[in-house]
């Protein structure tokens, strides 16, 4: 069984460093081989591509733009009346993915419109989402890219988010029926919404293209106090033959590098996929903020 491969989510890790280039360097010096970032659009793609190369990293996941966050938008894929904006955002995401060599794009579903009743608009929003996903699948296929659907929990994190369970996401993927659209499994969200992680992982892993981890309920490191037994879950992913990346999308409870002791322990036990063992315990040097 192959060891899992981990990616640093730079939207969450190294918050003390300003700018993605600085966080890229920090991730590289911490032993990561890969990174992911929600929205890289504040930086020119060429700058990020150069910084990633210099740090010896590959980018494995970005999100489509969120839309107008001042108006409460968090993705546009299923939002009625915002189809044109979704497609414009998709074009931007594809440009960045191509420039960065990033193979996956999270196609954000978005929120139930403010003031609307979820049950009343669910059918309309699903129709919009299906339409946008079919369009996205065609665009992504032309560039050999994969689109991902991520359920986000509506109990704690985002009560208005449209897509909130793996069952809902899997049903939508089945309706779209495109092989380059897959499921994004954030274990934090799945535990909060449904639990039954062993059963759900085994059921849905064949259509999962990316995994993300954080402890529940505090969303800290996997080694922080909480409900989840990550050594068991990591072993389960290995046993089930998962070959993709596991994104570290959590809020560091202290210094990011010190908080990676859980990952260094995993690498010591299972081996590191790319970096020689003597490089795993390198002291983190302060980096200039960008």
C-alpha atoms as a PDB file:
ATOM      1  CA  UNK A   1       0.000   0.000   0.000  1.00  0.00           C
ATOM      2  CA  UNK A   2       1.422   3.343  -1.048  1.00  0.00           C
ATOM      3  CA  UNK A   3       1.898   6.135   1.465  1.00  0.00           C
ATOM      4  CA  UNK A   4      -0.486   9.067   1.232  1.00  0.00           C
ATOM      5  CA  UNK A   5       0.646  12.281  -0.433  1.00  0.00           C
ATOM      6  CA  UNK A   6      -0.098  15.549   1.355  1.00  0.00           C
ATOM      7  CA  UNK A   7      -0.561  19.090   0.030  1.00  0.00           C
ATOM      8  CA  UNK A   8      -0.362  22.289   2.065  1.00  0.00           C
ATOM      9  CA  UNK A   9      -3.432  24.483   1.768  1.00  0.00           C
ATOM     10  CA  UNK A  10      -1.889  27.937   1.574  1.00  0.00           C
ATOM     11  CA  UNK A  11      -5.199  29.673   2.214  1.00  0.00           C
ATOM     12  CA  UNK A  12      -5.009  28.243   5.751  1.00  0.00           C
ATOM     13  CA  UNK A  13      -1.425  27.339   6.612  1.00  0.00           C
ATOM     14  CA  UNK A  14       1.368  29.833   7.327  1.00  0.00           C
ATOM     15  CA  UNK A  15      -1.050  32.695   8.129  1.00  0.00           C
ATOM     16  CA  UNK A  16       1.828  34.700   9.618  1.00  0.00           C
ATOM     17  CA  UNK A  17       3.261  35.122   6.115  1.00  0.00           C
ATOM     18  CA  UNK A  18       1.750  37.649   3.721  1.00  0.00           C
ATOM     19  CA  UNK A  19       1.480  36.710   0.070  1.00  0.00           C
ATOM     20  CA  UNK A  20       1.426  33.349  -1.649  1.00  0.00           C
ATOM     21  CA  UNK A  21       5.094  33.406  -2.781  1.00  0.00           C
ATOM     22  CA  UNK A  22       6.227  33.538   0.854  1.00  0.00           C
ATOM     23  CA  UNK A  23       3.851  30.747   1.809  1.00  0.00           C
ATOM     24  CA  UNK A  24       5.065  28.664  -1.121  1.00  0.00           C
ATOM     25  CA  UNK A  25       8.632  28.948   0.126  1.00  0.00           C
ATOM     26  CA  UNK A  26       7.520  28.015   3.646  1.00  0.00           C
ATOM     27  CA  UNK A  27       5.652  24.950   2.388  1.00  0.00           C
ATOM     28  CA  UNK A  28       8.655  23.815   0.384  1.00  0.00           C
ATOM     29  CA  UNK A  29      11.012  24.214   3.338  1.00  0.00           C
ATOM     30  CA  UNK A  30       8.585  22.212   5.502  1.00  0.00           C
ATOM     31  CA  UNK A  31       8.841  19.146   3.291  1.00  0.00           C
ATOM     32  CA  UNK A  32       5.677  19.396   1.201  1.00  0.00           C
ATOM     33  CA  UNK A  33       5.778  18.299  -2.425  1.00  0.00           C
ATOM     34  CA  UNK A  34       2.462  19.929  -3.324  1.00  0.00           C
ATOM     35  CA  UNK A  35       0.216  22.841  -2.397  1.00  0.00           C
ATOM     36  CA  UNK A  36      -3.340  23.999  -2.970  1.00  0.00           C
ATOM     37  CA  UNK A  37      -4.942  27.407  -2.667  1.00  0.00           C
ATOM     38  CA  UNK A  38      -8.549  28.525  -2.782  1.00  0.00           C
ATOM     39  CA  UNK A  39      -8.241  31.712  -4.771  1.00  0.00           C
ATOM     40  CA  UNK A  40      -4.843  32.580  -6.259  1.00  0.00           C
ATOM     41  CA  UNK A  41      -6.217  35.451  -8.304  1.00  0.00           C
ATOM     42  CA  UNK A  42      -4.617  38.346  -6.413  1.00  0.00           C
ATOM     43  CA  UNK A  43      -1.201  37.319  -7.774  1.00  0.00           C
ATOM     44  CA  UNK A  44      -0.210  37.068 -11.457  1.00  0.00           C
ATOM     45  CA  UNK A  45      -0.042  33.386 -12.430  1.00  0.00           C
ATOM     46  CA  UNK A  46       3.494  33.774 -13.769  1.00  0.00           C
ATOM     47  CA  UNK A  47       4.707  34.995 -10.372  1.00  0.00           C
ATOM     48  CA  UNK A  48       3.094  32.049  -8.609  1.00  0.00           C
ATOM     49  CA  UNK A  49       4.400  29.558 -11.159  1.00  0.00           C
ATOM     50  CA  UNK A  50       7.953  30.829 -10.697  1.00  0.00           C
ATOM     51  CA  UNK A  51       7.675  30.776  -6.896  1.00  0.00           C
ATOM     52  CA  UNK A  52       6.325  27.220  -6.966  1.00  0.00           C
ATOM     53  CA  UNK A  53       9.158  26.035  -9.224  1.00  0.00           C
ATOM     54  CA  UNK A  54      11.765  27.668  -6.995  1.00  0.00           C
ATOM     55  CA  UNK A  55      10.240  25.974  -3.944  1.00  0.00           C
ATOM     56  CA  UNK A  56      10.123  22.588  -5.683  1.00  0.00           C
ATOM     57  CA  UNK A  57       6.335  22.422  -5.448  1.00  0.00           C
ATOM     58  CA  UNK A  58       3.437  21.597  -7.690  1.00  0.00           C
ATOM     59  CA  UNK A  59       0.010  23.147  -7.368  1.00  0.00           C
ATOM     60  CA  UNK A  60      -2.706  20.493  -7.260  1.00  0.00           C
ATOM     61  CA  UNK A  61      -5.958  22.386  -6.598  1.00  0.00           C
ATOM     62  CA  UNK A  62      -7.544  25.807  -6.977  1.00  0.00           C
ATOM     63  CA  UNK A  63     -11.155  27.003  -6.696  1.00  0.00           C
ATOM     64  CA  UNK A  64     -13.311  28.890  -9.117  1.00  0.00           C
ATOM     65  CA  UNK A  65     -13.702  32.547  -8.030  1.00  0.00           C
ATOM     66  CA  UNK A  66     -16.220  33.126  -5.234  1.00  0.00           C
ATOM     67  CA  UNK A  67     -18.178  35.896  -6.944  1.00  0.00           C
ATOM     68  CA  UNK A  68     -19.074  39.092  -5.097  1.00  0.00           C
ATOM     69  CA  UNK A  69     -18.141  38.341  -1.502  1.00  0.00           C
ATOM     70  CA  UNK A  70     -19.340  41.750  -0.337  1.00  0.00           C
ATOM     71  CA  UNK A  71     -22.816  40.593  -1.365  1.00  0.00           C
ATOM     72  CA  UNK A  72     -22.367  37.294   0.437  1.00  0.00           C
ATOM     73  CA  UNK A  73     -21.498  35.108  -2.548  1.00  0.00           C
ATOM     74  CA  UNK A  74     -19.334  32.018  -2.040  1.00  0.00           C
ATOM     75  CA  UNK A  75     -19.265  30.412  -5.445  1.00  0.00           C
ATOM     76  CA  UNK A  76     -21.701  30.690  -8.341  1.00  0.00           C
ATOM     77  CA  UNK A  77     -22.189  27.227  -9.837  1.00  0.00           C
ATOM     78  CA  UNK A  78     -25.748  26.689  -8.618  1.00  0.00           C
ATOM     79  CA  UNK A  79     -26.862  30.302  -8.218  1.00  0.00           C
ATOM     80  CA  UNK A  80     -29.785  31.287 -10.489  1.00  0.00           C
ATOM     81  CA  UNK A  81     -29.109  34.314 -12.650  1.00  0.00           C
ATOM     82  CA  UNK A  82     -25.333  34.105 -12.240  1.00  0.00           C
ATOM     83  CA  UNK A  83     -24.569  31.648 -15.026  1.00  0.00           C
ATOM     84  CA  UNK A  84     -22.606  34.173 -17.105  1.00  0.00           C
ATOM     85  CA  UNK A  85     -20.499  35.172 -14.108  1.00  0.00           C
ATOM     86  CA  UNK A  86     -19.817  31.509 -13.310  1.00  0.00           C
ATOM     87  CA  UNK A  87     -18.570  30.897 -16.829  1.00  0.00           C
ATOM     88  CA  UNK A  88     -16.361  33.978 -16.738  1.00  0.00           C
ATOM     89  CA  UNK A  89     -14.902  32.792 -13.452  1.00  0.00           C
ATOM     90  CA  UNK A  90     -14.362  29.337 -14.901  1.00  0.00           C
ATOM     91  CA  UNK A  91     -12.379  30.850 -17.770  1.00  0.00           C
ATOM     92  CA  UNK A  92     -10.190  32.695 -15.280  1.00  0.00           C
ATOM     93  CA  UNK A  93      -9.655  29.545 -13.237  1.00  0.00           C
ATOM     94  CA  UNK A  94      -8.689  27.578 -16.353  1.00  0.00           C
ATOM     95  CA  UNK A  95      -6.155  30.248 -17.335  1.00  0.00           C
ATOM     96  CA  UNK A  96      -4.548  30.026 -13.904  1.00  0.00           C
ATOM     97  CA  UNK A  97      -4.656  26.228 -13.853  1.00  0.00           C
ATOM     98  CA  UNK A  98      -2.895  26.044 -17.212  1.00  0.00           C
ATOM     99  CA  UNK A  99      -0.232  28.577 -16.222  1.00  0.00           C
ATOM    100  CA  UNK A 100       0.362  26.817 -12.903  1.00  0.00           C
ATOM    101  CA  UNK A 101       0.204  23.254 -14.177  1.00  0.00           C
ATOM    102  CA  UNK A 102      -2.684  22.606 -11.778  1.00  0.00           C
ATOM    103  CA  UNK A 103      -4.817  19.604 -12.791  1.00  0.00           C
ATOM    104  CA  UNK A 104      -7.911  20.189 -10.609  1.00  0.00           C
ATOM    105  CA  UNK A 105     -10.419  22.992 -10.109  1.00  0.00           C
ATOM    106  CA  UNK A 106     -13.044  23.007  -7.359  1.00  0.00           C
ATOM    107  CA  UNK A 107     -16.269  24.178  -9.013  1.00  0.00           C
ATOM    108  CA  UNK A 108     -17.902  26.039  -6.138  1.00  0.00           C
ATOM    109  CA  UNK A 109     -21.652  25.560  -5.941  1.00  0.00           C
ATOM    110  CA  UNK A 110     -22.457  28.697  -3.969  1.00  0.00           C
ATOM    111  CA  UNK A 111     -25.105  29.663  -1.465  1.00  0.00           C
ATOM    112  CA  UNK A 112     -28.872  29.629  -1.394  1.00  0.00           C
ATOM    113  CA  UNK A 113     -29.847  33.256  -2.194  1.00  0.00           C
ATOM    114  CA  UNK A 114     -30.416  35.442   0.842  1.00  0.00           C
ATOM    115  CA  UNK A 115     -34.012  35.364   2.013  1.00  0.00           C
ATOM    116  CA  UNK A 116     -34.862  32.263  -0.011  1.00  0.00           C
ATOM    117  CA  UNK A 117     -36.126  29.004   1.459  1.00  0.00           C
ATOM    118  CA  UNK A 118     -33.742  26.133   0.663  1.00  0.00           C
ATOM    119  CA  UNK A 119     -36.548  23.677  -0.035  1.00  0.00           C
ATOM    120  CA  UNK A 120     -38.341  26.093  -2.332  1.00  0.00           C
ATOM    121  CA  UNK A 121     -35.296  26.812  -4.531  1.00  0.00           C
ATOM    122  CA  UNK A 122     -33.498  23.454  -4.403  1.00  0.00           C
ATOM    123  CA  UNK A 123     -34.903  22.143  -7.674  1.00  0.00           C
ATOM    124  CA  UNK A 124     -34.143  25.367  -9.565  1.00  0.00           C
ATOM    125  CA  UNK A 125     -30.631  25.555  -8.148  1.00  0.00           C
ATOM    126  CA  UNK A 126     -29.925  21.957  -9.111  1.00  0.00           C
ATOM    127  CA  UNK A 127     -31.040  22.642 -12.687  1.00  0.00           C
ATOM    128  CA  UNK A 128     -28.676  25.628 -12.846  1.00  0.00           C
ATOM    129  CA  UNK A 129     -25.855  23.588 -11.325  1.00  0.00           C
ATOM    130  CA  UNK A 130     -26.315  20.730 -13.776  1.00  0.00           C
ATOM    131  CA  UNK A 131     -26.293  23.160 -16.695  1.00  0.00           C
ATOM    132  CA  UNK A 132     -23.133  24.857 -15.464  1.00  0.00           C
ATOM    133  CA  UNK A 133     -21.402  21.562 -14.690  1.00  0.00           C
ATOM    134  CA  UNK A 134     -22.068  20.188 -18.165  1.00  0.00           C
ATOM    135  CA  UNK A 135     -20.600  23.354 -19.618  1.00  0.00           C
ATOM    136  CA  UNK A 136     -17.623  23.201 -17.246  1.00  0.00           C
ATOM    137  CA  UNK A 137     -16.947  19.542 -18.021  1.00  0.00           C
ATOM    138  CA  UNK A 138     -16.628  20.360 -21.704  1.00  0.00           C
ATOM    139  CA  UNK A 139     -14.322  23.320 -21.100  1.00  0.00           C
ATOM    140  CA  UNK A 140     -12.153  21.357 -18.696  1.00  0.00           C
ATOM    141  CA  UNK A 141     -11.944  18.322 -20.975  1.00  0.00           C
ATOM    142  CA  UNK A 142     -10.423  20.473 -23.710  1.00  0.00           C
ATOM    143  CA  UNK A 143      -7.557  21.304 -21.333  1.00  0.00           C
ATOM    144  CA  UNK A 144      -7.296  17.828 -19.728  1.00  0.00           C
ATOM    145  CA  UNK A 145      -8.453  19.219 -16.377  1.00  0.00           C
ATOM    146  CA  UNK A 146     -10.666  17.733 -13.655  1.00  0.00           C
ATOM    147  CA  UNK A 147     -13.519  19.557 -11.943  1.00  0.00           C
ATOM    148  CA  UNK A 148     -14.382  18.808  -8.323  1.00  0.00           C
ATOM    149  CA  UNK A 149     -17.583  19.183  -6.291  1.00  0.00           C
ATOM    150  CA  UNK A 150     -17.141  19.762  -2.571  1.00  0.00           C
ATOM    151  CA  UNK A 151     -19.994  19.449  -0.074  1.00  0.00           C
ATOM    152  CA  UNK A 152     -19.596  22.055   2.699  1.00  0.00           C
ATOM    153  CA  UNK A 153     -21.366  21.506   5.995  1.00  0.00           C
ATOM    154  CA  UNK A 154     -24.409  23.667   6.711  1.00  0.00           C
ATOM    155  CA  UNK A 155     -24.507  22.956  10.441  1.00  0.00           C
ATOM    156  CA  UNK A 156     -21.480  25.041  11.444  1.00  0.00           C
ATOM    157  CA  UNK A 157     -19.461  26.464   8.578  1.00  0.00           C
ATOM    158  CA  UNK A 158     -21.935  27.818   6.022  1.00  0.00           C
ATOM    159  CA  UNK A 159     -25.670  27.372   6.715  1.00  0.00           C
ATOM    160  CA  UNK A 160     -26.624  28.735   3.283  1.00  0.00           C
ATOM    161  CA  UNK A 161     -24.336  26.598   1.133  1.00  0.00           C
ATOM    162  CA  UNK A 162     -26.244  24.655  -1.517  1.00  0.00           C
ATOM    163  CA  UNK A 163     -24.143  21.494  -1.689  1.00  0.00           C
ATOM    164  CA  UNK A 164     -23.783  20.008   1.794  1.00  0.00           C
ATOM    165  CA  UNK A 165     -23.625  16.192   1.747  1.00  0.00           C
ATOM    166  CA  UNK A 166     -21.653  13.591  -0.212  1.00  0.00           C
ATOM    167  CA  UNK A 167     -24.926  11.904  -1.136  1.00  0.00           C
ATOM    168  CA  UNK A 168     -26.228  15.088  -2.765  1.00  0.00           C
ATOM    169  CA  UNK A 169     -22.953  15.670  -4.602  1.00  0.00           C
ATOM    170  CA  UNK A 170     -22.709  12.075  -5.813  1.00  0.00           C
ATOM    171  CA  UNK A 171     -26.282  12.187  -7.143  1.00  0.00           C
ATOM    172  CA  UNK A 172     -25.498  15.373  -9.086  1.00  0.00           C
ATOM    173  CA  UNK A 173     -22.311  13.849 -10.501  1.00  0.00           C
ATOM    174  CA  UNK A 174     -24.303  10.833 -11.644  1.00  0.00           C
ATOM    175  CA  UNK A 175     -26.834  13.071 -13.393  1.00  0.00           C
ATOM    176  CA  UNK A 176     -24.093  15.008 -15.181  1.00  0.00           C
ATOM    177  CA  UNK A 177     -22.296  11.795 -16.135  1.00  0.00           C
ATOM    178  CA  UNK A 178     -18.945  13.264 -17.115  1.00  0.00           C
ATOM    179  CA  UNK A 179     -15.770  11.342 -16.203  1.00  0.00           C
ATOM    180  CA  UNK A 180     -13.699  14.482 -15.597  1.00  0.00           C
ATOM    181  CA  UNK A 181     -15.994  15.648 -12.788  1.00  0.00           C
ATOM    182  CA  UNK A 182     -15.267  14.079  -9.404  1.00  0.00           C
ATOM    183  CA  UNK A 183     -16.000  14.421  -5.703  1.00  0.00           C
ATOM    184  CA  UNK A 184     -13.885  16.432  -3.256  1.00  0.00           C
ATOM    185  CA  UNK A 185     -13.957  14.815   0.184  1.00  0.00           C
ATOM    186  CA  UNK A 186     -13.320  17.196   3.073  1.00  0.00           C
ATOM    187  CA  UNK A 187     -13.439  14.897   6.073  1.00  0.00           C
ATOM    188  CA  UNK A 188     -14.171  17.854   8.369  1.00  0.00           C
ATOM    189  CA  UNK A 189     -17.430  18.620   6.537  1.00  0.00           C
ATOM    190  CA  UNK A 190     -18.407  14.971   6.075  1.00  0.00           C
ATOM    191  CA  UNK A 191     -18.070  14.203   9.769  1.00  0.00           C
ATOM    192  CA  UNK A 192     -20.206  17.193  10.788  1.00  0.00           C
ATOM    193  CA  UNK A 193     -22.987  16.443   8.319  1.00  0.00           C
ATOM    194  CA  UNK A 194     -23.250  12.678   8.394  1.00  0.00           C
ATOM    195  CA  UNK A 195     -20.548  10.916  10.402  1.00  0.00           C
ATOM    196  CA  UNK A 196     -20.320   7.255   9.309  1.00  0.00           C
ATOM    197  CA  UNK A 197     -16.913   8.059   7.852  1.00  0.00           C
ATOM    198  CA  UNK A 198     -15.801   4.480   7.320  1.00  0.00           C
ATOM    199  CA  UNK A 199     -18.912   3.629   5.344  1.00  0.00           C
ATOM    200  CA  UNK A 200     -18.964   6.886   3.394  1.00  0.00           C
ATOM    201  CA  UNK A 201     -15.284   6.737   2.516  1.00  0.00           C
ATOM    202  CA  UNK A 202     -15.630   3.184   1.229  1.00  0.00           C
ATOM    203  CA  UNK A 203     -18.787   4.032  -0.716  1.00  0.00           C
ATOM    204  CA  UNK A 204     -17.662   7.254  -2.347  1.00  0.00           C
ATOM    205  CA  UNK A 205     -13.882   6.911  -2.659  1.00  0.00           C
ATOM    206  CA  UNK A 206     -14.105   5.526  -6.234  1.00  0.00           C
ATOM    207  CA  UNK A 207     -15.365   8.943  -7.399  1.00  0.00           C
ATOM    208  CA  UNK A 208     -13.151  11.056  -5.093  1.00  0.00           C
ATOM    209  CA  UNK A 209     -10.488  13.156  -6.793  1.00  0.00           C
ATOM    210  CA  UNK A 210      -9.152  15.014  -3.753  1.00  0.00           C
ATOM    211  CA  UNK A 211      -9.281  14.722   0.035  1.00  0.00           C
ATOM    212  CA  UNK A 212      -8.949  17.418   2.709  1.00  0.00           C
ATOM    213  CA  UNK A 213      -8.496  17.029   6.458  1.00  0.00           C
ATOM    214  CA  UNK A 214      -9.041  18.950   9.693  1.00  0.00           C
ATOM    215  CA  UNK A 215     -10.019  17.942  13.208  1.00  0.00           C
ATOM    216  CA  UNK A 216     -13.646  18.246  14.377  1.00  0.00           C
ATOM    217  CA  UNK A 217     -15.032  20.460  15.810  1.00  0.00           C
ATOM    218  CA  UNK A 218     -12.167  22.962  16.140  1.00  0.00           C
ATOM    219  CA  UNK A 219     -10.814  22.593  12.579  1.00  0.00           C
ATOM    220  CA  UNK A 220      -7.254  22.362  13.874  1.00  0.00           C
ATOM    221  CA  UNK A 221      -4.437  19.976  13.012  1.00  0.00           C
ATOM    222  CA  UNK A 222      -5.307  16.283  12.742  1.00  0.00           C
ATOM    223  CA  UNK A 223      -3.323  15.796  15.963  1.00  0.00           C
ATOM    224  CA  UNK A 224      -5.318  18.424  17.889  1.00  0.00           C
ATOM    225  CA  UNK A 225      -8.063  17.345  20.337  1.00  0.00           C
ATOM    226  CA  UNK A 226     -11.297  16.316  18.694  1.00  0.00           C
ATOM    227  CA  UNK A 227     -13.618  13.601  17.445  1.00  0.00           C
ATOM    228  CA  UNK A 228     -11.548  12.118  14.639  1.00  0.00           C
ATOM    229  CA  UNK A 229      -8.976   9.323  14.805  1.00  0.00           C
ATOM    230  CA  UNK A 230      -6.717  10.319  11.934  1.00  0.00           C
ATOM    231  CA  UNK A 231      -4.242   7.422  12.167  1.00  0.00           C
ATOM    232  CA  UNK A 232      -7.229   5.148  11.570  1.00  0.00           C
ATOM    233  CA  UNK A 233      -8.583   7.324   8.742  1.00  0.00           C
ATOM    234  CA  UNK A 234      -5.206   7.587   7.008  1.00  0.00           C
ATOM    235  CA  UNK A 235      -4.817   3.809   7.209  1.00  0.00           C
ATOM    236  CA  UNK A 236      -8.319   3.416   5.788  1.00  0.00           C
ATOM    237  CA  UNK A 237      -7.465   5.634   2.822  1.00  0.00           C
ATOM    238  CA  UNK A 238      -4.315   3.595   2.228  1.00  0.00           C
ATOM    239  CA  UNK A 239      -6.182   0.300   2.530  1.00  0.00           C
ATOM    240  CA  UNK A 240      -8.827   1.494   0.069  1.00  0.00           C
ATOM    241  CA  UNK A 241      -6.106   2.378  -2.442  1.00  0.00           C
ATOM    242  CA  UNK A 242      -6.498   6.160  -2.522  1.00  0.00           C
ATOM    243  CA  UNK A 243      -3.830   7.630  -4.818  1.00  0.00           C
ATOM    244  CA  UNK A 244      -4.692  11.343  -4.823  1.00  0.00           C
ATOM    245  CA  UNK A 245      -3.543  14.136  -2.561  1.00  0.00           C
ATOM    246  CA  UNK A 246      -4.671  14.853   0.992  1.00  0.00           C
ATOM    247  CA  UNK A 247      -4.987  18.597   1.511  1.00  0.00           C
ATOM    248  CA  UNK A 248      -4.079  20.078   4.892  1.00  0.00           C
ATOM    249  CA  UNK A 249      -6.952  22.535   5.117  1.00  0.00           C
ATOM    250  CA  UNK A 250      -6.988  23.425   8.783  1.00  0.00           C
ATOM    251  CA  UNK A 251      -6.472  26.365  11.120  1.00  0.00           C
ATOM    252  CA  UNK A 252      -3.075  26.012  12.827  1.00  0.00           C
ATOM    253  CA  UNK A 253      -3.483  26.093  16.594  1.00  0.00           C
ATOM    254  CA  UNK A 254      -0.058  27.712  16.953  1.00  0.00           C
ATOM    255  CA  UNK A 255       3.042  27.916  14.788  1.00  0.00           C
ATOM    256  CA  UNK A 256       2.320  26.159  11.492  1.00  0.00           C
ATOM    257  CA  UNK A 257       5.652  24.331  11.307  1.00  0.00           C
ATOM    258  CA  UNK A 258       5.566  23.130  14.913  1.00  0.00           C
ATOM    259  CA  UNK A 259       2.026  21.961  14.292  1.00  0.00           C
ATOM    260  CA  UNK A 260       3.219  19.695  11.464  1.00  0.00           C
ATOM    261  CA  UNK A 261       4.649  17.181  13.950  1.00  0.00           C
ATOM    262  CA  UNK A 262       1.768  14.821  13.076  1.00  0.00           C
ATOM    263  CA  UNK A 263       2.838  14.866   9.419  1.00  0.00           C
ATOM    264  CA  UNK A 264       6.528  14.382  10.189  1.00  0.00           C
ATOM    265  CA  UNK A 265       5.537  11.380  12.308  1.00  0.00           C
ATOM    266  CA  UNK A 266       3.540   9.986   9.395  1.00  0.00           C
ATOM    267  CA  UNK A 267       6.466  10.481   7.021  1.00  0.00           C
ATOM    268  CA  UNK A 268       8.864   8.868   9.487  1.00  0.00           C
ATOM    269  CA  UNK A 269       6.586   5.837   9.711  1.00  0.00           C
ATOM    270  CA  UNK A 270       5.468   5.498   6.089  1.00  0.00           C
ATOM    271  CA  UNK A 271       8.197   7.267   4.158  1.00  0.00           C
ATOM    272  CA  UNK A 272       8.130  10.533   2.283  1.00  0.00           C
ATOM    273  CA  UNK A 273       7.194  10.335  -1.415  1.00  0.00           C
ATOM    274  CA  UNK A 274       9.739  12.833  -2.726  1.00  0.00           C
ATOM    275  CA  UNK A 275      11.916  14.454  -0.087  1.00  0.00           C
ATOM    276  CA  UNK A 276      14.886  12.679   1.508  1.00  0.00           C
ATOM    277  CA  UNK A 277      14.419  11.969   5.199  1.00  0.00           C
ATOM    278  CA  UNK A 278      17.162  14.313   6.299  1.00  0.00           C
ATOM    279  CA  UNK A 279      15.198  17.210   4.831  1.00  0.00           C
ATOM    280  CA  UNK A 280      12.047  16.632   6.819  1.00  0.00           C
ATOM    281  CA  UNK A 281      13.199  18.145  10.079  1.00  0.00           C
ATOM    282  CA  UNK A 282      14.783  21.278   8.713  1.00  0.00           C
ATOM    283  CA  UNK A 283      14.423  24.232  11.076  1.00  0.00           C
ATOM    284  CA  UNK A 284      11.940  26.726   9.693  1.00  0.00           C
ATOM    285  CA  UNK A 285      13.673  29.986   8.864  1.00  0.00           C
ATOM    286  CA  UNK A 286      11.742  33.265   8.912  1.00  0.00           C
ATOM    287  CA  UNK A 287      10.748  34.397   5.457  1.00  0.00           C
ATOM    288  CA  UNK A 288      10.250  37.929   4.264  1.00  0.00           C
ATOM    289  CA  UNK A 289       6.593  38.766   3.759  1.00  0.00           C
ATOM    290  CA  UNK A 290       5.574  39.489   0.228  1.00  0.00           C
END
